[in-house]
Structures are given as structure tokens and as C-alpha cells.
Amino acid sequence: MIRVFKHYVPHAVLFLGLLDFIILFVSAEGAWVMRAHEIGMDVDHVMNRIWPLLSFAFAFQLAMISVGAYGNEALQSRRYALARLAVAASLSFIFMAILYFVVPSLTLWRSHALYAMMFAITGLALVRLLLGSMFGGEVFRRRIMVLGAGNRADRIRRLERRPGASFMVVGYIGMREGEHVIEEAINRSAIHNLSDYVVRLGASEVVLALEERRNAIPMGDLLRIKTTGVDVNDFSTFLERETGRVDLDSVNPSWLIFSDGFSAGRRLSGMAKRLFDVVASLLLLVLTGPLIALAAILVKLDSKGPAFYRQKRVGLFGEEFWIIKLRTMRQDAEVGGKAVWAAENDPRITRLGTWLRKLRIDELPQTWVVLKGQMSFVGPRPERREFVEDLEKELRYYAERHMVKPGITGWAQINYPYGASLEDARNKLEYDLYYAKNYTPFLDALILLQTVRVVLWPEGAR
């Protein structure tokens, strides 16, 4: 994987994305030239129309990212990839129509855009049909050597077997004598020169997966391996990279303290984030105001009670604030005011509330809270004080998720289905810690784009 602005991007995704961008740009230029010949117009230098060409390529590629065209499923299945490509084409058409309305000088003419769209869909589909197996195969998988043969090594083996794994294990080395969970592991004593053995097997990375690291880290071996040009990583860092979350079972306070992340130099990016929140929330409130008003009327007609409900949530640095949403449950959903987790097919949800939740319309009033500065568009979802107090007792590092401003959508929301149990809270915390640790505007933009996929395919909505 390649780290782009602190976020790990698989080599296959980066290569496919670059190839797609070239196809989109060439398609736009080909459409321009073809249409120019049809109407007898002279074709001038390509730099004179560079912005319309780039706007087409960017709009289409952003649509592909937002619908999950670069996810594991799309890399593993041609049928899945082509289906997402069709949805991305429709979405990009909407993007370009909006862009044409705002700044027509930066977009292709409609006749050009039609040709460009046909060329692009054909080219992108051919790439996936002809090269699909390569992107999901071993060509882009890193070769790693695992030092360890216990339960941690077994976790790496299970990760390797997942569809779309970005690595392959070339060998397991048991660093201590005795029984191994990995039966095929080779004892360290049987290898004369470990660094030479790693190089001969063509490993590009060594992962330290020892069960007990105290007084057991083979510093001499690791130093010689490192000086041969092979990357060396600890178990927690490896899992963070491969899973996109901070593994609570393996991390300790020293890893969180000394590992890269939780950077204090966020003043500039924080200002940019706040500026985006203000501009976007104002725009969204203006555009969706009529929709919110209509939904509020329907809520009143559908069931007894207020159209909106306010509830205290825990936000930045553990301070409470009021959240506002369209009401989707019965007025007596919580008897005596006692906090209750939402359950799958929860009977307290009204008929209209089911659809409001699936379409995420009930979340729209929260843009007012974003405008006030108590929330952001992207960040960990805020929870109620009752839940927070219980979860802080059960889960290590739960309080650390409150070191960043809560959001309407987040890294956990696009990667994990809606959950309402301690195990769900644990899994979401791992994603929230990854976000807090690796936050950049790039990651925010990626989450916002991927939220479109969650809205279009609300597998986890309740």
C-alpha cells in the first residue's frame, strides 16, 4: 500500500485510478475532436480546452469513488465493477449538469459530453473486462515474512485469506521452540542467516507478530533485515494499514503515544475544515430547507408528537450539546427517559421514520448544529452520556474519540453497518480511533464521497 496524506491506498487501486483518469481525459479529448470534425470547426491546441477536459475526468472519477467503484468488491468481481460503473456514469452526469449550471465555461458542450460519456464508459468497461483479474490477483500483492507462529500470526493468515487481501505471506518463522499455532512455521534455530533467508524468498516486508514482546524482540535480526532494504513493521501498525482501523486487542498506550498520528499541527487544516462546514451547511440548509419542512409536516401527520426532537449528546472534549433531528420513533419510545439502543426492525420506529432513516433525511436538521460549530460534517458519531459512561468502562481508549469534533458521517459509518451492541461499539471505536489518528482533509473528502454509497445502498441503516 501507498500512504497518501496519512491514509493507506492499495497499489491496485492507485494504478487503476490513474489508468481510469487517463481514459477519461482521452475520451473527453476524442469527443471534442470528433465533434469538431462533424461541424467543420478547426481543432486548436489541447491546452486551450484543458479545463473542460479535466472537469469531465474529475467529475466522472469522483462519481466512481463515491459509489465504491474502487472497493474490494469491484476489484474482485467484474459484474460488480460494471454495475457500479453504470451508476457512476449516471451520477457523473448529474455532477456535470450542476457544474455546467454554475460555471459553463469549465465544462464540455452537451454534444461533446455525450460523446465523451460513451467513449469513457466503453474504455472503462474494457479495462475491467480485460484486466479485472490482474487487479484482484497476486500482481499487486506484497510478499511478507511473519516473525511469529502464535495467535497473532494466525490473525495475519486469516487476513491473507480474505478476498482482496493486498499481501501474501511467503513464510512464518517461529521465534521460540514449542508448539506453534501455524504448523508450517519454521523454527528460527533452523535458519542460519535470517536476513539472507528473507531476501532469498523475495519478501518486501517483515511483520513482528510475537505473542510476548518483552525481552523477546530479535533486535539483531531486525537490524540486519532493515539494512537490506526490507521494511519492518510491528503487528499493530500492520493491522492498522490492512484493516483501516486501530486494533484494540493489540495496541497499548506506548504505541498510541509514539506511533505516527494525532498530529498537533492541525491548525491550518482545522481552519479549512471549519470553513467548509460553514459554507456547506449554509448551502445545504438553503437547498434542503423545503425538503425538511415537507418531511416535518409528514412526520406530524404520520404520528403523534413533535416533528423534531432534541437530545443531549457528548461532543468535543466530552462536553454535551443538543442535537436536532426529524423524529422517526414514537413519542413514547423511551419510557421514563431511559436510554435504549436502537435494534434491527425496531418496533418503536414509525412507518414514515423507516424511510426517513433509509434515505438519511432525518439527519438533515443536524446541519444547523454543524453551522453552530458543535458538530462537523465528518467525525465520530456523538453518543448519549448514558452510553458513553458505560462504554468508557467497557472499552479502552473510548474517551479518546472525543478528542475530535463529532460528525454527521464518519469513517466508522462508511465502513461498518449500523450497530447497537457492545461489540458493534467496539468495532466502530476502532474505526473512530483510526480517523482521529490519521485525520487529514483528504480523508474527510474521501469519507464525504463514500457517504454517497452508503445513502444509495443503505445496508446498515436502521
Foldseek 3Di string as FASTA:
>chain_A
DDQDLLAFDFPLLVVLLVVLLVQLLVLLVVLVVVVCVVVVHDDDDPVVLVQQSNLRSVLLSLLLLLQQLSPLVVLQDLVVNLVSSVRSLVRSVVVQVVVCVVPVSRHDDPSSSVSSSVSSSVVSSVCCVPCSCVSQDDVQAAEEEEEAFAPLVVVVVVLQPDRSFRYDYLAYEHDDDDDGPRVRHHYPVVDDQLLVVCVVSVHQEYEYRYPDDVVRDPVVNVVSNVVVNHHYYYSQVVCCNRPVFGDQVPDDPVCLVPPAFLDPPCPVQVVVQLVCLQVVLVVLCVVCVVVLVVQQVVLVVQADDGQKDWDWWQWAPRDIDIAIWGDFFHPCLDPPPDDDFADVVRPRGTPSSVVCQLLVVRRSVRSVVSNVPQAGQEAAATDHPVVLVVLCVVGPPSSVSNNDGHHSWYQLPLVDADDGDSVSVRVSSRNRVSCSTSPGVVRVSSRVSNVSNCSVVVPRTD
